[in-house]
Each structure stands twice: as C-alpha cells, then as structure tokens.
C-alpha atoms as a PDB file:
ATOM      1  CA  UNK A   1      71.457 -23.586-159.904  1.00  0.00           C
ATOM      2  CA  UNK A   2      70.857 -19.875-159.586  1.00  0.00           C
ATOM      3  CA  UNK A   3      68.188 -18.972-157.080  1.00  0.00           C
ATOM      4  CA  UNK A   4      65.805 -16.099-157.684  1.00  0.00           C
ATOM      5  CA  UNK A   5      64.886 -13.705-154.859  1.00  0.00           C
ATOM      6  CA  UNK A   6      61.495 -15.425-154.657  1.00  0.00           C
ATOM      7  CA  UNK A   7      63.228 -18.814-154.283  1.00  0.00           C
ATOM      8  CA  UNK A   8      65.342 -17.461-151.445  1.00  0.00           C
ATOM      9  CA  UNK A   9      62.367 -15.851-149.695  1.00  0.00           C
ATOM     10  CA  UNK A  10      60.370 -19.084-149.915  1.00  0.00           C
ATOM     11  CA  UNK A  11      63.272 -21.109-148.550  1.00  0.00           C
ATOM     12  CA  UNK A  12      63.708 -18.681-145.647  1.00  0.00           C
ATOM     13  CA  UNK A  13      60.001 -18.977-144.809  1.00  0.00           C
ATOM     14  CA  UNK A  14      60.174 -22.774-144.922  1.00  0.00           C
ATOM     15  CA  UNK A  15      63.227 -22.758-142.643  1.00  0.00           C
ATOM     16  CA  UNK A  16      61.393 -20.493-140.173  1.00  0.00           C
ATOM     17  CA  UNK A  17      58.447 -22.895-140.219  1.00  0.00           C
ATOM     18  CA  UNK A  18      60.690 -25.916-139.758  1.00  0.00           C
ATOM     19  CA  UNK A  19      62.466 -24.336-136.794  1.00  0.00           C
ATOM     20  CA  UNK A  20      59.125 -23.402-135.244  1.00  0.00           C
ATOM     21  CA  UNK A  21      57.906 -27.004-135.599  1.00  0.00           C
ATOM     22  CA  UNK A  22      61.170 -28.240-134.076  1.00  0.00           C
ATOM     23  CA  UNK A  23      60.548 -26.056-131.039  1.00  0.00           C
ATOM     24  CA  UNK A  24      56.949 -27.270-130.822  1.00  0.00           C
ATOM     25  CA  UNK A  25      58.037 -30.896-131.068  1.00  0.00           C
ATOM     26  CA  UNK A  26      60.882 -30.726-128.573  1.00  0.00           C
ATOM     27  CA  UNK A  27      59.703 -28.147-126.069  1.00  0.00           C
ATOM     28  CA  UNK A  28      55.973 -27.548-126.749  1.00  0.00           C
ATOM     29  CA  UNK A  29      56.929 -23.916-127.465  1.00  0.00           C
ATOM     30  CA  UNK A  30      55.385 -22.104-130.436  1.00  0.00           C
ATOM     31  CA  UNK A  31      57.773 -19.222-131.140  1.00  0.00           C
ATOM     32  CA  UNK A  32      55.536 -17.573-133.731  1.00  0.00           C
ATOM     33  CA  UNK A  33      52.554 -17.550-131.364  1.00  0.00           C
ATOM     34  CA  UNK A  34      54.747 -16.305-128.546  1.00  0.00           C
ATOM     35  CA  UNK A  35      56.160 -13.435-130.607  1.00  0.00           C
ATOM     36  CA  UNK A  36      52.839 -12.309-132.064  1.00  0.00           C
ATOM     37  CA  UNK A  37      50.431 -12.692-129.150  1.00  0.00           C
ATOM     38  CA  UNK A  38      48.956 -16.162-129.575  1.00  0.00           C
ATOM     39  CA  UNK A  39      48.262 -18.590-132.383  1.00  0.00           C
ATOM     40  CA  UNK A  40      44.886 -17.033-133.216  1.00  0.00           C
ATOM     41  CA  UNK A  41      46.045 -13.456-133.740  1.00  0.00           C
ATOM     42  CA  UNK A  42      46.063 -11.885-137.182  1.00  0.00           C
ATOM     43  CA  UNK A  43      49.873 -11.566-137.231  1.00  0.00           C
ATOM     44  CA  UNK A  44      50.460 -15.193-136.235  1.00  0.00           C
ATOM     45  CA  UNK A  45      47.970 -16.440-138.797  1.00  0.00           C
ATOM     46  CA  UNK A  46      49.663 -14.260-141.418  1.00  0.00           C
ATOM     47  CA  UNK A  47      53.073 -15.759-140.603  1.00  0.00           C
ATOM     48  CA  UNK A  48      51.645 -19.294-140.659  1.00  0.00           C
ATOM     49  CA  UNK A  49      50.009 -18.565-144.028  1.00  0.00           C
ATOM     50  CA  UNK A  50      53.227 -17.146-145.498  1.00  0.00           C
ATOM     51  CA  UNK A  51      55.159 -20.198-144.310  1.00  0.00           C
ATOM     52  CA  UNK A  52      52.561 -22.464-145.920  1.00  0.00           C
ATOM     53  CA  UNK A  53      52.664 -20.539-149.199  1.00  0.00           C
ATOM     54  CA  UNK A  54      56.453 -20.679-149.112  1.00  0.00           C
ATOM     55  CA  UNK A  55      56.265 -24.440-148.693  1.00  0.00           C
ATOM     56  CA  UNK A  56      53.904 -24.781-151.639  1.00  0.00           C
ATOM     57  CA  UNK A  57      56.209 -22.638-153.771  1.00  0.00           C
ATOM     58  CA  UNK A  58      59.221 -24.774-152.773  1.00  0.00           C
ATOM     59  CA  UNK A  59      57.540 -27.786-154.367  1.00  0.00           C
ATOM     60  CA  UNK A  60      58.435 -26.175-157.698  1.00  0.00           C
ATOM     61  CA  UNK A  61      62.116 -26.372-156.746  1.00  0.00           C
ATOM     62  CA  UNK A  62      61.883 -30.158-156.891  1.00  0.00           C
ATOM     63  CA  UNK A  63      60.942 -30.132-160.559  1.00  0.00           C
ATOM     64  CA  UNK A  64      63.329 -27.546-161.956  1.00  0.00           C
ATOM     65  CA  UNK A  65      66.036 -28.549-164.362  1.00  0.00           C
ATOM     66  CA  UNK A  66      69.547 -28.387-162.987  1.00  0.00           C
ATOM     67  CA  UNK A  67      72.028 -26.371-165.009  1.00  0.00           C
ATOM     68  CA  UNK A  68      75.074 -28.423-166.065  1.00  0.00           C
ATOM     69  CA  UNK A  69      78.227 -27.693-164.091  1.00  0.00           C
ATOM     70  CA  UNK A  70      80.669 -25.448-165.875  1.00  0.00           C
ATOM     71  CA  UNK A  71      84.230 -26.670-165.997  1.00  0.00           C
END
C-alpha cells in the first residue's frame, strides 16, 4: 500500500507518542514535558494534541483497501 505524506506524518506522531508512553511506563519520565518545559506548557500541549490527532487519523488506516500485490 502506498502511503501518503499525511499517512507518514501521522504514523511518526503516533510512534513519538508511543515511545513517550513507554518512557512514562518504565521510568516515570515524560520526554515531551522534559523537552518543552513541563506538561502544562503551550508547546507540550501542542505536541500532545498533534500526537492525539495523528492517532485519530491512523484509525483510517485500518479501514483502507489493500492494493493487490503485483507479480
């Protein structure tokens, strides 16, 4: 399946969010909050919002038709 630039951007955001949650779960370390000055700052909230929107967009990837393999 060919991915559009928006698909790739959404997947990158979801991966960033997943890695951040992994760090929170294993080490109680929020990388996004640490990089942007705390979890309540505008930049952190923007990153969290973009990750969430990316996750919502990735739901559409579940329902797309797969192109048949070319032989």
